[in-house]
């Protein structure tokens, strides 16, 4: 009798015993668990099909069993249906010590970069997703958008991202929900990303600023190094960042196989003081060959989309699965800092970036759009709540938008199928390249 992978793992006695983590909070630029330990994201992008992957309890349980061998503590889910029941899947992940990052936008409610608007319908749909998931203690955070800004003209959408953050925080607080962190997932575009990460944390009003900033980056393509990959520059720009910053997608597959050496850098001494981990793209093997598992031996009851089996018993894609498992075993559980001894005042305060020629188009701090407003072509400038932004010790922030450092090309962002990306993915392709300054 041929055993399934989860059954084989259990038979060998190698499944890891884990416990639920509990609600994670953000303080300064760190995440902390309820017992005061720093939390580092070791995650997997988990979107099995165009639909909601968190409504099939049995499939979640099958995937969880193999995830226990691999070792993630987080999944990222791009599309969910607020009207469905997620209790079974969220419990399965929670029992395995796995948190979830949930995108609030959907196929028809994302902020469109060419014609940015923040409508009442968008607001209400975002709020409905929050309402549906807030009850789960293992929800790590919510994204208000994914790769909305990818060209110079798209930077005009940034105030609408911030407006979404403001209103979702207001909704969270008006409902007396726990303070689940709310953030944004950015494309790695060199002439835009440094300004965007500063803009989303500037102005001195925490009710409008993101609680975390995440980056979809494919700069590190094995074989590479911390210095040659571009990570050294990413680290400079993240030094003492005011909120947790982490990779929301990573794992370049050019030339392949993936070695995941970047994980040793992200969780190593050069980056872990400022970065809060990484999410590897992705769980399921699709046409772009970024998957860690595939579902085999399809039956009539299994879902098949675009020629890919999207349910069943997961089997590792080798050697990528074992390579990532090995790197995460080497990393172990980074110790970080203890909440009681952490000084959040050490983080920097970023100035709102000025417009740049051929790049960022939002000039400083501007009035955010209200619900029901769309972009009219201009923004009204408003004063920031803080003046003369400095880092701890009185030095100017390192690698801010005012002085972006030179960096390596980003050659291998994956081509994502139509249901994966929120913006360019909706027209079939999301190839984003980082350029030289």
Protein backbone atom coordinates (compact mmCIF):
# COMPACT_ATOMS: atom_id res chain seq x y z
CA UNK A 1 0.00 0.00 0.00
CA UNK A 2 1.39 3.37 -1.03
CA UNK A 3 1.24 5.93 1.76
CA UNK A 4 0.37 9.56 1.12
CA UNK A 5 3.02 12.09 2.06
CA UNK A 6 1.25 13.24 5.25
CA UNK A 7 0.68 9.61 6.27
CA UNK A 8 4.29 8.73 5.55
CA UNK A 9 5.48 11.65 7.64
CA UNK A 10 3.31 10.61 10.55
CA UNK A 11 4.45 7.01 10.22
CA UNK A 12 8.07 8.08 10.46
CA UNK A 13 7.33 10.16 13.51
CA UNK A 14 8.90 13.30 12.08
CA UNK A 15 5.88 15.59 12.24
CA UNK A 16 6.64 18.57 14.43
CA UNK A 17 4.63 19.19 17.57
CA UNK A 18 3.46 22.81 17.56
CA UNK A 19 1.09 24.99 19.53
CA UNK A 20 -1.18 27.89 18.65
CA UNK A 21 0.69 31.19 18.76
CA UNK A 22 -2.12 33.49 19.85
CA UNK A 23 -2.75 37.09 18.75
CA UNK A 24 0.40 38.80 17.44
CA UNK A 25 0.83 42.54 18.01
CA UNK A 26 3.14 45.15 16.48
CA UNK A 27 5.22 47.51 18.61
CA UNK A 28 7.68 49.87 16.92
CA UNK A 29 9.23 47.82 14.10
CA UNK A 30 8.70 44.41 15.70
CA UNK A 31 5.97 41.79 15.96
CA UNK A 32 5.44 40.14 19.37
CA UNK A 33 3.60 37.05 20.55
CA UNK A 34 1.40 37.16 23.68
CA UNK A 35 4.28 35.88 25.81
CA UNK A 36 6.49 38.81 24.74
CA UNK A 37 8.75 36.99 22.27
CA UNK A 38 9.58 38.62 18.96
CA UNK A 39 7.70 37.03 16.06
CA UNK A 40 9.42 36.46 12.71
CA UNK A 41 7.35 35.58 9.66
CA UNK A 42 8.35 32.27 8.00
CA UNK A 43 5.58 32.06 5.48
CA UNK A 44 4.11 30.53 2.33
CA UNK A 45 1.82 32.18 -0.23
CA UNK A 46 -1.31 30.02 -0.13
CA UNK A 47 -3.88 30.56 -2.88
CA UNK A 48 -4.93 27.27 -4.44
CA UNK A 49 -7.50 28.55 -6.92
CA UNK A 50 -9.40 31.67 -7.98
CA UNK A 51 -11.77 31.02 -5.10
CA UNK A 52 -11.34 31.15 -1.35
CA UNK A 53 -8.81 28.50 -0.18
CA UNK A 54 -9.94 28.74 3.43
CA UNK A 55 -13.38 27.16 3.07
CA UNK A 56 -12.34 23.55 2.31
CA UNK A 57 -11.52 22.21 5.75
CA UNK A 58 -10.37 18.78 4.57
CA UNK A 59 -7.98 20.29 2.02
CA UNK A 60 -6.57 22.65 4.63
CA UNK A 61 -5.97 19.71 6.96
CA UNK A 62 -4.12 17.78 4.23
CA UNK A 63 -1.92 20.78 3.46
CA UNK A 64 -1.29 21.51 7.13
CA UNK A 65 0.11 18.03 7.69
CA UNK A 66 2.81 18.59 5.08
CA UNK A 67 3.42 22.16 6.23
CA UNK A 68 4.31 20.77 9.64
CA UNK A 69 7.27 19.07 8.00
CA UNK A 70 8.30 22.18 6.06
CA UNK A 71 8.06 24.56 9.01
CA UNK A 72 6.14 27.74 8.12
CA UNK A 73 4.42 29.78 10.82
CA UNK A 74 2.41 31.98 8.43
CA UNK A 75 0.35 31.76 5.25
CA UNK A 76 -0.64 34.63 3.00
CA UNK A 77 -4.07 34.44 1.34
CA UNK A 78 -4.83 36.85 -1.51
CA UNK A 79 -8.57 36.33 -2.07
CA UNK A 80 -11.28 35.30 0.41
CA UNK A 81 -15.07 35.35 0.44
CA UNK A 82 -16.41 37.16 3.50
CA UNK A 83 -19.73 35.35 3.19
CA UNK A 84 -18.24 31.85 3.62
CA UNK A 85 -17.40 29.92 6.78
CA UNK A 86 -13.67 29.71 7.54
CA UNK A 87 -13.79 28.11 10.99
CA UNK A 88 -12.44 24.69 9.99
CA UNK A 89 -9.44 25.90 8.01
CA UNK A 90 -8.49 28.65 10.43
CA UNK A 91 -8.62 26.17 13.30
CA UNK A 92 -6.46 23.68 11.38
CA UNK A 93 -3.81 26.32 10.79
CA UNK A 94 -4.08 27.70 14.30
CA UNK A 95 -3.63 24.25 15.85
CA UNK A 96 -0.45 23.89 13.77
CA UNK A 97 0.95 27.21 15.01
CA UNK A 98 0.36 28.95 11.67
CA UNK A 99 -0.89 32.54 11.45
CA UNK A 100 -2.61 34.10 8.43
CA UNK A 101 -2.14 37.35 6.55
CA UNK A 102 -5.35 38.19 4.68
CA UNK A 103 -5.82 40.60 1.77
CA UNK A 104 -8.93 42.76 2.25
CA UNK A 105 -9.45 43.64 -1.40
CA UNK A 106 -11.06 41.40 -3.99
CA UNK A 107 -11.18 41.16 -7.78
CA UNK A 108 -13.68 43.98 -8.09
CA UNK A 109 -12.72 46.17 -5.12
CA UNK A 110 -8.99 46.74 -5.48
CA UNK A 111 -7.63 50.29 -5.82
CA UNK A 112 -7.15 50.74 -9.55
CA UNK A 113 -3.84 52.59 -10.09
CA UNK A 114 -4.78 54.24 -13.41
CA UNK A 115 -8.03 55.65 -12.00
CA UNK A 116 -7.63 55.65 -8.21
CA UNK A 117 -10.80 55.92 -6.17
CA UNK A 118 -11.98 54.97 -2.70
CA UNK A 119 -15.68 54.20 -2.96
CA UNK A 120 -18.25 53.32 -0.33
CA UNK A 121 -18.62 49.89 -1.90
CA UNK A 122 -14.87 49.25 -1.63
CA UNK A 123 -14.86 50.44 1.97
CA UNK A 124 -17.75 48.18 2.90
CA UNK A 125 -16.31 45.09 1.21
CA UNK A 126 -12.93 45.59 2.93
CA UNK A 127 -14.77 45.94 6.24
CA UNK A 128 -16.77 42.77 5.60
CA UNK A 129 -13.58 40.75 5.14
CA UNK A 130 -12.21 42.19 8.38
CA UNK A 131 -15.46 41.39 10.17
CA UNK A 132 -15.32 37.80 8.93
CA UNK A 133 -11.74 37.14 10.06
CA UNK A 134 -11.23 39.30 13.14
CA UNK A 135 -12.51 36.55 15.43
CA UNK A 136 -9.57 34.28 14.64
CA UNK A 137 -6.65 34.73 17.02
CA UNK A 138 -4.21 33.52 14.37
CA UNK A 139 -4.91 36.40 11.98
CA UNK A 140 -1.55 38.16 11.94
CA UNK A 141 -2.65 41.13 9.85
CA UNK A 142 -4.59 42.52 6.91
CA UNK A 143 -3.31 43.89 3.60
CA UNK A 144 -5.20 46.82 2.04
CA UNK A 145 -3.53 46.22 -1.31
CA UNK A 146 -1.00 44.26 -3.32
CA UNK A 147 1.37 45.80 -5.89
CA UNK A 148 -1.01 48.64 -6.73
CA UNK A 149 1.90 50.92 -7.63
CA UNK A 150 4.23 49.65 -10.35
CA UNK A 151 4.87 52.66 -12.60
CA UNK A 152 5.55 56.37 -12.13
CA UNK A 153 1.97 57.36 -12.91
CA UNK A 154 0.66 54.80 -10.43
CA UNK A 155 2.30 56.66 -7.53
CA UNK A 156 -0.68 59.02 -7.60
CA UNK A 157 -2.66 56.15 -6.05
CA UNK A 158 -0.58 56.22 -2.83
CA UNK A 159 -2.92 58.57 -0.91
CA UNK A 160 -5.80 56.20 -1.68
CA UNK A 161 -3.84 53.32 -0.15
CA UNK A 162 -3.33 55.44 2.92
CA UNK A 163 -7.02 56.38 2.97
CA UNK A 164 -7.91 52.68 2.99
CA UNK A 165 -5.56 52.14 5.92
CA UNK A 166 -7.11 55.07 7.80
CA UNK A 167 -10.67 53.89 7.32
CA UNK A 168 -9.97 50.24 8.07
CA UNK A 169 -8.26 51.26 11.30
CA UNK A 170 -11.26 53.44 12.12
CA UNK A 171 -13.60 50.52 11.41
CA UNK A 172 -11.47 48.19 13.54
CA UNK A 173 -11.44 50.61 16.45
CA UNK A 174 -15.14 51.54 16.18
CA UNK A 175 -16.00 47.84 16.56
CA UNK A 176 -13.67 47.48 19.56
CA UNK A 177 -11.73 44.80 17.73
CA UNK A 178 -8.24 43.89 18.84
CA UNK A 179 -5.58 45.99 17.12
CA UNK A 180 -4.80 43.61 14.28
CA UNK A 181 -1.99 45.20 12.23
CA UNK A 182 -3.02 46.67 8.86
CA UNK A 183 -0.43 47.10 6.11
CA UNK A 184 0.47 47.04 2.43
CA UNK A 185 2.35 44.71 0.06
CA UNK A 186 4.52 46.57 -2.48
CA UNK A 187 6.13 45.72 -5.79
CA UNK A 188 9.93 46.00 -5.76
CA UNK A 189 10.33 48.97 -8.14
CA UNK A 190 13.55 50.77 -7.30
CA UNK A 191 12.56 54.30 -8.30
CA UNK A 192 9.24 54.06 -6.42
CA UNK A 193 9.58 51.63 -3.52
CA UNK A 194 11.83 53.75 -1.25
CA UNK A 195 9.45 56.71 -1.53
CA UNK A 196 6.37 54.54 -1.06
CA UNK A 197 7.61 52.88 2.12
CA UNK A 198 8.44 56.29 3.58
CA UNK A 199 5.16 57.85 2.43
CA UNK A 200 3.03 55.14 4.05
CA UNK A 201 4.73 55.77 7.41
CA UNK A 202 5.19 59.57 7.30
CA UNK A 203 3.14 62.53 8.52
CA UNK A 204 3.09 61.72 12.21
CA UNK A 205 -0.50 60.41 12.30
CA UNK A 206 -0.54 56.77 13.35
CA UNK A 207 -4.26 56.50 12.52
CA UNK A 208 -3.37 56.96 8.84
CA UNK A 209 -0.07 55.11 8.63
CA UNK A 210 0.45 51.41 7.94
CA UNK A 211 1.21 49.13 10.86
CA UNK A 212 3.61 47.14 8.66
CA UNK A 213 5.16 47.38 5.20
CA UNK A 214 5.80 44.31 3.06
CA UNK A 215 7.76 43.84 -0.16
CA UNK A 216 7.36 41.41 -3.06
CA UNK A 217 10.99 41.03 -4.13
CA UNK A 218 12.74 38.58 -6.44
CA UNK A 219 16.16 40.25 -6.41
CA UNK A 220 18.01 37.28 -4.90
CA UNK A 221 18.43 34.63 -7.61
CA UNK A 222 20.64 31.71 -6.54
CA UNK A 223 23.55 31.56 -6.63
CA UNK A 224 23.93 35.02 -5.14
CA UNK A 225 25.11 36.83 -2.03
CA UNK A 226 23.89 39.49 0.36
CA UNK A 227 26.08 42.05 -1.43
CA UNK A 228 25.42 41.14 -5.07
CA UNK A 229 21.70 40.36 -4.80
CA UNK A 230 20.58 43.84 -3.83
CA UNK A 231 19.65 42.82 -0.30
CA UNK A 232 22.43 44.97 1.13
CA UNK A 233 20.69 48.04 -0.28
CA UNK A 234 17.26 46.87 0.86
CA UNK A 235 18.72 46.57 4.34
CA UNK A 236 20.08 50.13 4.24
CA UNK A 237 16.65 51.44 3.35
CA UNK A 238 15.03 49.40 6.12
CA UNK A 239 17.40 50.44 8.88
CA UNK A 240 15.40 51.40 11.96
CA UNK A 241 12.20 51.45 9.88
CA UNK A 242 9.29 52.76 11.99
CA UNK A 243 7.04 49.68 11.56
CA UNK A 244 7.69 45.97 10.93
CA UNK A 245 8.98 45.34 7.41
CA UNK A 246 9.15 41.91 5.78
CA UNK A 247 9.13 40.16 2.41
CA UNK A 248 5.54 39.35 1.39
CA UNK A 249 6.81 37.39 -1.64
CA UNK A 250 10.29 36.08 -2.39
CA UNK A 251 11.94 33.05 -3.94
CA UNK A 252 13.42 33.70 -7.40
CA UNK A 253 13.49 30.51 -9.52
CA UNK A 254 16.05 31.63 -12.11
CA UNK A 255 18.02 29.63 -13.08
CA UNK A 256 16.71 26.98 -10.65
CA UNK A 257 16.46 24.91 -8.65
CA UNK A 258 15.81 27.32 -5.82
CA UNK A 259 18.36 27.10 -3.02
CA UNK A 260 16.69 29.71 -0.77
CA UNK A 261 20.03 31.06 0.45
CA UNK A 262 18.30 34.41 0.92
CA UNK A 263 16.55 32.96 3.98
CA UNK A 264 19.91 32.73 5.76
CA UNK A 265 20.45 36.43 5.09
CA UNK A 266 16.94 37.57 6.03
CA UNK A 267 17.02 35.71 9.36
CA UNK A 268 20.76 36.26 9.88
CA UNK A 269 22.61 38.93 11.86
CA UNK A 270 22.79 41.45 8.98
CA UNK A 271 19.03 41.77 8.53
CA UNK A 272 17.03 40.31 11.42
CA UNK A 273 17.38 43.43 13.60
CA UNK A 274 15.30 45.34 11.05
CA UNK A 275 13.43 42.73 8.99
CA UNK A 276 10.61 40.59 10.40
CA UNK A 277 10.91 37.63 8.05
CA UNK A 278 9.70 36.48 4.64
CA UNK A 279 6.90 34.72 2.76
CA UNK A 280 8.02 32.33 0.03
CA UNK A 281 6.03 32.25 -3.21
CA UNK A 282 4.18 29.82 -3.41
CA UNK A 283 2.56 26.62 -2.08
CA UNK A 284 1.00 25.14 -5.25
CA UNK A 285 2.94 24.37 -8.44
CA UNK A 286 1.51 26.30 -11.37
CA UNK A 287 2.65 27.22 -14.88
CA UNK A 288 5.23 29.65 -13.52
CA UNK A 289 7.06 26.83 -11.67
CA UNK A 290 7.16 28.58 -8.31
CA UNK A 291 5.34 25.87 -6.39
CA UNK A 292 6.58 23.86 -3.43
CA UNK A 293 3.97 21.12 -3.83
CA UNK A 294 1.69 19.64 -6.45
CA UNK A 295 -1.50 17.64 -6.21
CA UNK A 296 -1.31 14.34 -8.06
CA UNK A 297 -3.69 11.55 -9.16
CA UNK A 298 -6.73 13.76 -9.82
CA UNK A 299 -10.21 12.34 -9.39
CA UNK A 300 -13.57 13.66 -10.48
CA UNK A 301 -13.96 15.34 -7.12
CA UNK A 302 -10.79 17.41 -7.38
CA UNK A 303 -10.63 20.94 -8.72
CA UNK A 304 -8.71 21.58 -11.95
CA UNK A 305 -8.16 25.16 -13.18
CA UNK A 306 -5.97 26.11 -16.14
CA UNK A 307 -4.79 22.54 -16.36
CA UNK A 308 -3.52 22.50 -12.78
CA UNK A 309 -4.94 20.17 -10.12
CA UNK A 310 -5.82 22.40 -7.17
CA UNK A 311 -6.87 19.95 -4.50
CA UNK A 312 -5.96 16.52 -3.23
CA UNK A 313 -2.97 15.04 -1.43
CA UNK A 314 0.03 17.39 -1.60
CA UNK A 315 3.36 15.98 -2.75
CA UNK A 316 6.60 17.99 -2.46
CA UNK A 317 8.18 19.48 -5.56
CA UNK A 318 11.83 18.55 -5.31
CA UNK A 319 14.46 19.70 -4.68
CA UNK A 320 12.84 23.05 -3.85
CA UNK A 321 10.75 21.71 -0.95
CA UNK A 322 13.69 20.07 0.79
CA UNK A 323 15.97 23.04 0.05
CA UNK A 324 13.60 25.42 1.81
CA UNK A 325 13.05 22.97 4.65
CA UNK A 326 16.82 22.71 5.14
CA UNK A 327 17.30 26.50 5.19
CA UNK A 328 14.47 27.01 7.67
CA UNK A 329 15.92 24.29 9.87
CA UNK A 330 19.27 26.13 9.80
CA UNK A 331 17.51 29.37 10.69
CA UNK A 332 15.55 27.76 13.50
CA UNK A 333 13.54 30.22 15.56
CA UNK A 334 15.40 33.56 15.68
CA UNK A 335 15.45 34.91 19.20
CA UNK A 336 15.15 38.61 18.44
CA UNK A 337 14.30 40.86 21.38
CA UNK A 338 11.94 40.53 24.31
CA UNK A 339 9.03 42.96 24.34
CA UNK A 340 9.69 44.15 27.89
CA UNK A 341 13.24 45.18 27.01
CA UNK A 342 12.47 46.63 23.57
CA UNK A 343 12.75 50.42 23.14
CA UNK A 344 10.38 51.41 20.33
CA UNK A 345 11.79 54.95 20.37
CA UNK A 346 14.85 53.62 18.58
CA UNK A 347 13.02 53.53 15.25
CA UNK A 348 13.28 56.35 12.74
CA UNK A 349 10.63 58.89 11.76
CA UNK A 350 10.53 59.22 7.99
CA UNK A 351 9.88 62.54 6.20
CA UNK A 352 7.15 62.55 3.57
CA UNK A 353 9.02 62.25 0.24
CA UNK A 354 8.99 65.07 -2.27
CA UNK A 355 8.14 64.48 -5.91
CA UNK A 356 11.07 63.38 -8.09
CA UNK A 357 11.62 63.86 -11.79
CA UNK A 358 10.72 60.69 -13.67
CA UNK A 359 9.65 58.93 -10.49
CA UNK A 360 7.51 59.65 -7.42
CA UNK A 361 4.66 62.12 -8.15
CA UNK A 362 3.12 62.82 -4.72
CA UNK A 363 4.58 65.99 -3.24
CA UNK A 364 5.10 65.64 0.49
CA UNK A 365 2.23 65.14 2.91
CA UNK A 366 -1.17 65.59 1.25
CA UNK A 367 -4.79 65.55 2.31
CA UNK A 368 -6.15 62.02 2.01
CA UNK A 369 -9.28 61.32 -0.02
CA UNK A 370 -12.52 60.63 1.82
CA UNK A 371 -14.83 57.72 1.10
CA UNK A 372 -16.54 58.39 -2.22
CA UNK A 373 -13.72 60.42 -3.72
CA UNK A 374 -11.66 59.71 -6.82
CA UNK A 375 -8.42 61.28 -8.07
CA UNK A 376 -9.00 64.69 -9.62
CA UNK A 377 -5.45 65.33 -10.80
CA UNK A 378 -4.07 67.22 -7.80
CA UNK A 379 -3.69 66.85 -4.04
CA UNK A 380 -3.87 69.50 -1.34
CA UNK A 381 -0.70 69.72 0.76
CA UNK A 382 -1.08 69.51 4.53
CA UNK A 383 1.50 69.93 7.31
CA UNK A 384 2.91 66.84 8.97
CA UNK A 385 2.33 66.31 12.67
CA UNK A 386 6.08 65.95 13.19
CA UNK A 387 8.90 68.26 12.17
CA UNK A 388 12.58 67.63 11.41
CA UNK A 389 12.33 63.81 11.23
CA UNK A 390 15.36 62.08 12.71
CA UNK A 391 16.41 58.65 13.83
CA UNK A 392 17.46 57.79 17.35
CA UNK A 393 20.69 59.59 18.11
CA UNK A 394 19.87 62.58 15.91
CA UNK A 395 21.17 61.22 12.60
CA UNK A 396 19.19 61.43 9.37
CA UNK A 397 17.42 58.25 8.33
CA UNK A 398 19.50 55.86 6.24
CA UNK A 399 18.53 55.07 2.66
CA UNK A 400 15.36 57.17 2.66
CA UNK A 401 13.58 58.34 -0.45
CA UNK A 402 15.63 61.49 -0.49
CA UNK A 403 18.73 59.48 -1.24
CA UNK A 404 17.88 56.07 -2.66
CA UNK A 405 20.92 53.86 -3.03
CA UNK A 406 21.96 52.07 -6.20
CA UNK A 407 20.72 48.50 -6.37
CA UNK A 408 20.66 45.26 -8.27
CA UNK A 409 18.14 44.39 -10.98
CA UNK A 410 15.07 42.38 -10.02
CA UNK A 411 15.08 39.93 -12.93
CA UNK A 412 12.69 37.18 -12.02
CA UNK A 413 9.35 38.25 -10.58
CA UNK A 414 6.99 35.41 -11.47
CA UNK A 415 4.38 35.56 -14.17
CA UNK A 416 1.19 35.09 -12.16
CA UNK A 417 -2.03 33.62 -13.41
CA UNK A 418 -5.10 35.78 -13.59
CA UNK A 419 -6.36 35.26 -10.05
CA UNK A 420 -3.04 35.85 -8.35
CA UNK A 421 -2.16 39.54 -8.64
CA UNK A 422 -4.70 42.22 -7.78
CA UNK A 423 -3.73 44.67 -10.51
CA UNK A 424 -1.53 43.61 -13.37
CA UNK A 425 -2.39 40.00 -12.60
CA UNK A 426 -5.92 40.76 -13.69
CA UNK A 427 -4.69 41.17 -17.26
CA UNK A 428 -2.62 38.04 -17.08
CA UNK A 429 1.00 39.13 -16.51
CA UNK A 430 2.88 40.69 -13.62
CA UNK A 431 6.50 40.99 -14.67
CA UNK A 432 8.02 43.79 -12.64
CA UNK A 433 11.67 44.71 -13.05
CA UNK A 434 13.80 46.78 -10.73
CA UNK A 435 15.96 49.21 -12.70
CA UNK A 436 19.30 50.84 -12.05
CA UNK A 437 19.41 54.35 -10.69
